[in-house]
């Protein structure tokens, strides 16, 4: 097999291109080349995008899971602190015990929850409402109670939901 130089290769290529007429199948193959490359590029891009999407979804899920655990842990910490505190009056003490029991029950339901549970947001809204009612029942200042959690982690936009 002889090695062709650039000039000789160009002459041979030109001779081959014009010496014999192209058959229809060769012409179709040449015309379909762009479509084939486009389809191949699409498949490669789709596969790469799915892999990148999975990685991004994992990072997002980890972040949201951390926030969920942090918020539930925050409420649990206050539950423990309020159980040992006494309300100013016996009537408030009884009401606070009932509210604390409801809060403890809701927190217990969230310990074994699946991340794919469609009712998770509803459960969290009910937990937040119960937490606010407990804070009121024990006579806690809501701004003080939520101060650390809202300002440090959730930001100004989340203040509206509390």
C-alpha atoms as a PDB file:
ATOM      1  CA  UNK A   1       0.000   0.000   0.000  1.00  0.00           C
ATOM      2  CA  UNK A   2       1.562   3.180  -1.125  1.00  0.00           C
ATOM      3  CA  UNK A   3       1.263   6.387   0.823  1.00  0.00           C
ATOM      4  CA  UNK A   4      -0.166   9.228  -1.227  1.00  0.00           C
ATOM      5  CA  UNK A   5       0.978  12.794  -0.831  1.00  0.00           C
ATOM      6  CA  UNK A   6      -1.573  15.614  -0.609  1.00  0.00           C
ATOM      7  CA  UNK A   7      -1.482  16.552  -4.324  1.00  0.00           C
ATOM      8  CA  UNK A   8      -1.648  12.962  -5.539  1.00  0.00           C
ATOM      9  CA  UNK A   9      -4.461  12.201  -3.081  1.00  0.00           C
ATOM     10  CA  UNK A  10      -6.482  15.176  -4.339  1.00  0.00           C
ATOM     11  CA  UNK A  11      -6.064  14.039  -7.965  1.00  0.00           C
ATOM     12  CA  UNK A  12      -7.083  10.482  -7.126  1.00  0.00           C
ATOM     13  CA  UNK A  13     -10.074  11.702  -5.128  1.00  0.00           C
ATOM     14  CA  UNK A  14     -11.176  14.031  -7.928  1.00  0.00           C
ATOM     15  CA  UNK A  15     -10.773  11.234 -10.476  1.00  0.00           C
ATOM     16  CA  UNK A  16     -12.885   8.867  -8.352  1.00  0.00           C
ATOM     17  CA  UNK A  17     -15.545  11.494  -7.731  1.00  0.00           C
ATOM     18  CA  UNK A  18     -16.050  12.302 -11.413  1.00  0.00           C
ATOM     19  CA  UNK A  19     -15.117   9.059 -13.092  1.00  0.00           C
ATOM     20  CA  UNK A  20     -18.198   7.014 -12.193  1.00  0.00           C
ATOM     21  CA  UNK A  21     -21.740   8.236 -11.706  1.00  0.00           C
ATOM     22  CA  UNK A  22     -23.054   7.843  -8.168  1.00  0.00           C
ATOM     23  CA  UNK A  23     -25.781   5.328  -7.671  1.00  0.00           C
ATOM     24  CA  UNK A  24     -29.008   6.359  -5.949  1.00  0.00           C
ATOM     25  CA  UNK A  25     -28.119   4.483  -2.764  1.00  0.00           C
ATOM     26  CA  UNK A  26     -24.804   6.315  -2.481  1.00  0.00           C
ATOM     27  CA  UNK A  27     -26.546   9.648  -3.011  1.00  0.00           C
ATOM     28  CA  UNK A  28     -29.189   8.818  -0.432  1.00  0.00           C
ATOM     29  CA  UNK A  29     -26.476   7.809   2.024  1.00  0.00           C
ATOM     30  CA  UNK A  30     -24.698  11.117   1.491  1.00  0.00           C
ATOM     31  CA  UNK A  31     -27.899  13.102   1.941  1.00  0.00           C
ATOM     32  CA  UNK A  32     -28.875  11.152   5.056  1.00  0.00           C
ATOM     33  CA  UNK A  33     -25.464  11.684   6.641  1.00  0.00           C
ATOM     34  CA  UNK A  34     -26.526  14.970   8.278  1.00  0.00           C
ATOM     35  CA  UNK A  35     -29.680  13.386   9.686  1.00  0.00           C
ATOM     36  CA  UNK A  36     -27.715  10.445  11.046  1.00  0.00           C
ATOM     37  CA  UNK A  37     -25.185  12.733  12.737  1.00  0.00           C
ATOM     38  CA  UNK A  38     -27.953  14.905  14.142  1.00  0.00           C
ATOM     39  CA  UNK A  39     -29.774  11.855  15.566  1.00  0.00           C
ATOM     40  CA  UNK A  40     -26.518  10.504  16.993  1.00  0.00           C
ATOM     41  CA  UNK A  41     -25.743  13.880  18.575  1.00  0.00           C
ATOM     42  CA  UNK A  42     -29.250  14.052  20.020  1.00  0.00           C
ATOM     43  CA  UNK A  43     -28.892  10.605  21.609  1.00  0.00           C
ATOM     44  CA  UNK A  44     -25.488  11.540  23.059  1.00  0.00           C
ATOM     45  CA  UNK A  45     -26.874  14.817  24.419  1.00  0.00           C
ATOM     46  CA  UNK A  46     -29.923  13.094  25.881  1.00  0.00           C
ATOM     47  CA  UNK A  47     -27.771  10.510  27.661  1.00  0.00           C
ATOM     48  CA  UNK A  48     -25.379  13.176  28.987  1.00  0.00           C
ATOM     49  CA  UNK A  49     -28.311  15.363  30.089  1.00  0.00           C
ATOM     50  CA  UNK A  50     -29.940  12.498  31.974  1.00  0.00           C
ATOM     51  CA  UNK A  51     -26.700  11.801  33.831  1.00  0.00           C
ATOM     52  CA  UNK A  52     -26.215  15.474  34.687  1.00  0.00           C
ATOM     53  CA  UNK A  53     -29.865  15.739  35.735  1.00  0.00           C
ATOM     54  CA  UNK A  54     -29.530  12.794  38.097  1.00  0.00           C
ATOM     55  CA  UNK A  55     -26.515  14.369  39.769  1.00  0.00           C
ATOM     56  CA  UNK A  56     -28.285  17.708  40.094  1.00  0.00           C
ATOM     57  CA  UNK A  57     -31.402  16.014  41.464  1.00  0.00           C
ATOM     58  CA  UNK A  58     -29.330  14.167  44.061  1.00  0.00           C
ATOM     59  CA  UNK A  59     -27.697  17.395  45.223  1.00  0.00           C
ATOM     60  CA  UNK A  60     -31.071  19.175  45.346  1.00  0.00           C
ATOM     61  CA  UNK A  61     -32.657  16.266  47.238  1.00  0.00           C
ATOM     62  CA  UNK A  62     -29.829  16.213  49.751  1.00  0.00           C
ATOM     63  CA  UNK A  63     -30.198  19.952  50.319  1.00  0.00           C
ATOM     64  CA  UNK A  64     -33.985  19.793  50.773  1.00  0.00           C
ATOM     65  CA  UNK A  65     -33.693  16.732  52.994  1.00  0.00           C
ATOM     66  CA  UNK A  66     -31.225  18.582  55.181  1.00  0.00           C
ATOM     67  CA  UNK A  67     -33.580  21.569  55.479  1.00  0.00           C
ATOM     68  CA  UNK A  68     -36.492  19.275  56.330  1.00  0.00           C
ATOM     69  CA  UNK A  69     -34.473  17.510  59.035  1.00  0.00           C
ATOM     70  CA  UNK A  70     -33.225  20.799  60.412  1.00  0.00           C
ATOM     71  CA  UNK A  71     -36.736  22.232  60.713  1.00  0.00           C
ATOM     72  CA  UNK A  72     -38.207  19.089  62.283  1.00  0.00           C
ATOM     73  CA  UNK A  73     -35.256  18.887  64.690  1.00  0.00           C
ATOM     74  CA  UNK A  74     -35.773  22.526  65.636  1.00  0.00           C
ATOM     75  CA  UNK A  75     -39.411  21.844  66.520  1.00  0.00           C
ATOM     76  CA  UNK A  76     -38.436  18.730  68.451  1.00  0.00           C
ATOM     77  CA  UNK A  77     -35.893  20.707  70.485  1.00  0.00           C
ATOM     78  CA  UNK A  78     -38.549  23.250  71.446  1.00  0.00           C
ATOM     79  CA  UNK A  79     -40.941  20.411  72.301  1.00  0.00           C
ATOM     80  CA  UNK A  80     -38.423  19.013  74.778  1.00  0.00           C
ATOM     81  CA  UNK A  81     -37.791  22.450  76.285  1.00  0.00           C
ATOM     82  CA  UNK A  82     -41.498  23.251  76.617  1.00  0.00           C
ATOM     83  CA  UNK A  83     -42.340  19.908  78.202  1.00  0.00           C
ATOM     84  CA  UNK A  84     -40.183  20.825  81.153  1.00  0.00           C
ATOM     85  CA  UNK A  85     -41.526  24.394  81.390  1.00  0.00           C
ATOM     86  CA  UNK A  86     -44.644  25.343  83.309  1.00  0.00           C
ATOM     87  CA  UNK A  87     -47.357  27.633  82.037  1.00  0.00           C
ATOM     88  CA  UNK A  88     -48.354  30.592  84.226  1.00  0.00           C
ATOM     89  CA  UNK A  89     -51.815  29.222  85.127  1.00  0.00           C
ATOM     90  CA  UNK A  90     -53.288  25.753  85.626  1.00  0.00           C
ATOM     91  CA  UNK A  91     -55.726  26.325  82.757  1.00  0.00           C
ATOM     92  CA  UNK A  92     -52.902  27.264  80.414  1.00  0.00           C
ATOM     93  CA  UNK A  93     -50.861  24.327  81.722  1.00  0.00           C
ATOM     94  CA  UNK A  94     -53.606  21.849  80.725  1.00  0.00           C
ATOM     95  CA  UNK A  95     -54.060  23.475  77.331  1.00  0.00           C
ATOM     96  CA  UNK A  96     -50.298  23.465  76.792  1.00  0.00           C
ATOM     97  CA  UNK A  97     -50.115  19.730  77.635  1.00  0.00           C
ATOM     98  CA  UNK A  98     -52.772  18.954  75.018  1.00  0.00           C
ATOM     99  CA  UNK A  99     -51.027  21.056  72.390  1.00  0.00           C
ATOM    100  CA  UNK A 100     -47.638  19.523  73.246  1.00  0.00           C
ATOM    101  CA  UNK A 101     -49.119  16.029  72.860  1.00  0.00           C
ATOM    102  CA  UNK A 102     -50.467  16.981  69.413  1.00  0.00           C
ATOM    103  CA  UNK A 103     -47.073  18.382  68.419  1.00  0.00           C
ATOM    104  CA  UNK A 104     -45.291  15.240  69.634  1.00  0.00           C
ATOM    105  CA  UNK A 105     -47.704  13.059  67.651  1.00  0.00           C
ATOM    106  CA  UNK A 106     -47.137  15.046  64.462  1.00  0.00           C
ATOM    107  CA  UNK A 107     -43.373  14.922  64.919  1.00  0.00           C
ATOM    108  CA  UNK A 108     -43.527  11.148  65.453  1.00  0.00           C
ATOM    109  CA  UNK A 109     -45.432  10.756  62.175  1.00  0.00           C
ATOM    110  CA  UNK A 110     -42.684  12.607  60.315  1.00  0.00           C
ATOM    111  CA  UNK A 111     -39.827  10.382  61.483  1.00  0.00           C
ATOM    112  CA  UNK A 112     -40.639   7.547  59.065  1.00  0.00           C
ATOM    113  CA  UNK A 113     -41.907   9.601  56.141  1.00  0.00           C
ATOM    114  CA  UNK A 114     -40.786   8.931  52.593  1.00  0.00           C
ATOM    115  CA  UNK A 115     -39.330  11.818  50.630  1.00  0.00           C
ATOM    116  CA  UNK A 116     -41.719  10.992  47.789  1.00  0.00           C
ATOM    117  CA  UNK A 117     -44.800  11.359  50.023  1.00  0.00           C
ATOM    118  CA  UNK A 118     -47.128  13.730  48.195  1.00  0.00           C
ATOM    119  CA  UNK A 119     -48.657  14.896  51.475  1.00  0.00           C
ATOM    120  CA  UNK A 120     -45.333  16.006  52.944  1.00  0.00           C
ATOM    121  CA  UNK A 121     -45.994  19.712  52.367  1.00  0.00           C
ATOM    122  CA  UNK A 122     -49.453  19.443  53.925  1.00  0.00           C
ATOM    123  CA  UNK A 123     -48.003  17.661  56.945  1.00  0.00           C
ATOM    124  CA  UNK A 124     -45.336  20.332  57.318  1.00  0.00           C
ATOM    125  CA  UNK A 125     -47.935  23.127  57.147  1.00  0.00           C
ATOM    126  CA  UNK A 126     -49.990  21.397  59.858  1.00  0.00           C
ATOM    127  CA  UNK A 127     -46.843  20.918  61.960  1.00  0.00           C
ATOM    128  CA  UNK A 128     -45.981  24.611  61.650  1.00  0.00           C
ATOM    129  CA  UNK A 129     -49.531  25.590  62.644  1.00  0.00           C
ATOM    130  CA  UNK A 130     -49.448  23.249  65.638  1.00  0.00           C
ATOM    131  CA  UNK A 131     -46.046  24.609  66.629  1.00  0.00           C
ATOM    132  CA  UNK A 132     -47.397  28.162  66.583  1.00  0.00           C
ATOM    133  CA  UNK A 133     -50.388  27.146  68.696  1.00  0.00           C
ATOM    134  CA  UNK A 134     -48.103  25.408  71.215  1.00  0.00           C
ATOM    135  CA  UNK A 135     -45.877  28.465  71.390  1.00  0.00           C
ATOM    136  CA  UNK A 136     -48.936  30.605  72.109  1.00  0.00           C
ATOM    137  CA  UNK A 137     -50.240  28.126  74.699  1.00  0.00           C
ATOM    138  CA  UNK A 138     -46.982  28.131  76.653  1.00  0.00           C
ATOM    139  CA  UNK A 139     -46.699  31.908  76.411  1.00  0.00           C
ATOM    140  CA  UNK A 140     -43.635  32.021  74.163  1.00  0.00           C
ATOM    141  CA  UNK A 141     -42.871  35.003  71.932  1.00  0.00           C
ATOM    142  CA  UNK A 142     -43.190  33.742  68.344  1.00  0.00           C
ATOM    143  CA  UNK A 143     -40.629  36.192  67.000  1.00  0.00           C
ATOM    144  CA  UNK A 144     -38.128  34.955  69.559  1.00  0.00           C
ATOM    145  CA  UNK A 145     -38.967  31.296  68.926  1.00  0.00           C
ATOM    146  CA  UNK A 146     -38.790  31.577  65.142  1.00  0.00           C
ATOM    147  CA  UNK A 147     -36.041  34.191  65.118  1.00  0.00           C
ATOM    148  CA  UNK A 148     -33.138  31.812  64.696  1.00  0.00           C
ATOM    149  CA  UNK A 149     -34.815  29.428  62.297  1.00  0.00           C
ATOM    150  CA  UNK A 150     -36.443  31.991  60.030  1.00  0.00           C
ATOM    151  CA  UNK A 151     -33.660  34.542  59.798  1.00  0.00           C
ATOM    152  CA  UNK A 152     -30.742  32.149  59.596  1.00  0.00           C
ATOM    153  CA  UNK A 153     -32.080  29.492  57.281  1.00  0.00           C
ATOM    154  CA  UNK A 154     -35.287  30.413  55.514  1.00  0.00           C
ATOM    155  CA  UNK A 155     -34.845  34.099  54.734  1.00  0.00           C
ATOM    156  CA  UNK A 156     -37.373  36.890  54.352  1.00  0.00           C
ATOM    157  CA  UNK A 157     -39.647  35.143  51.848  1.00  0.00           C
ATOM    158  CA  UNK A 158     -40.363  32.305  54.308  1.00  0.00           C
ATOM    159  CA  UNK A 159     -41.489  34.691  57.045  1.00  0.00           C
ATOM    160  CA  UNK A 160     -44.851  34.937  55.287  1.00  0.00           C
ATOM    161  CA  UNK A 161     -45.674  31.271  55.839  1.00  0.00           C
ATOM    162  CA  UNK A 162     -45.132  31.588  59.567  1.00  0.00           C
END
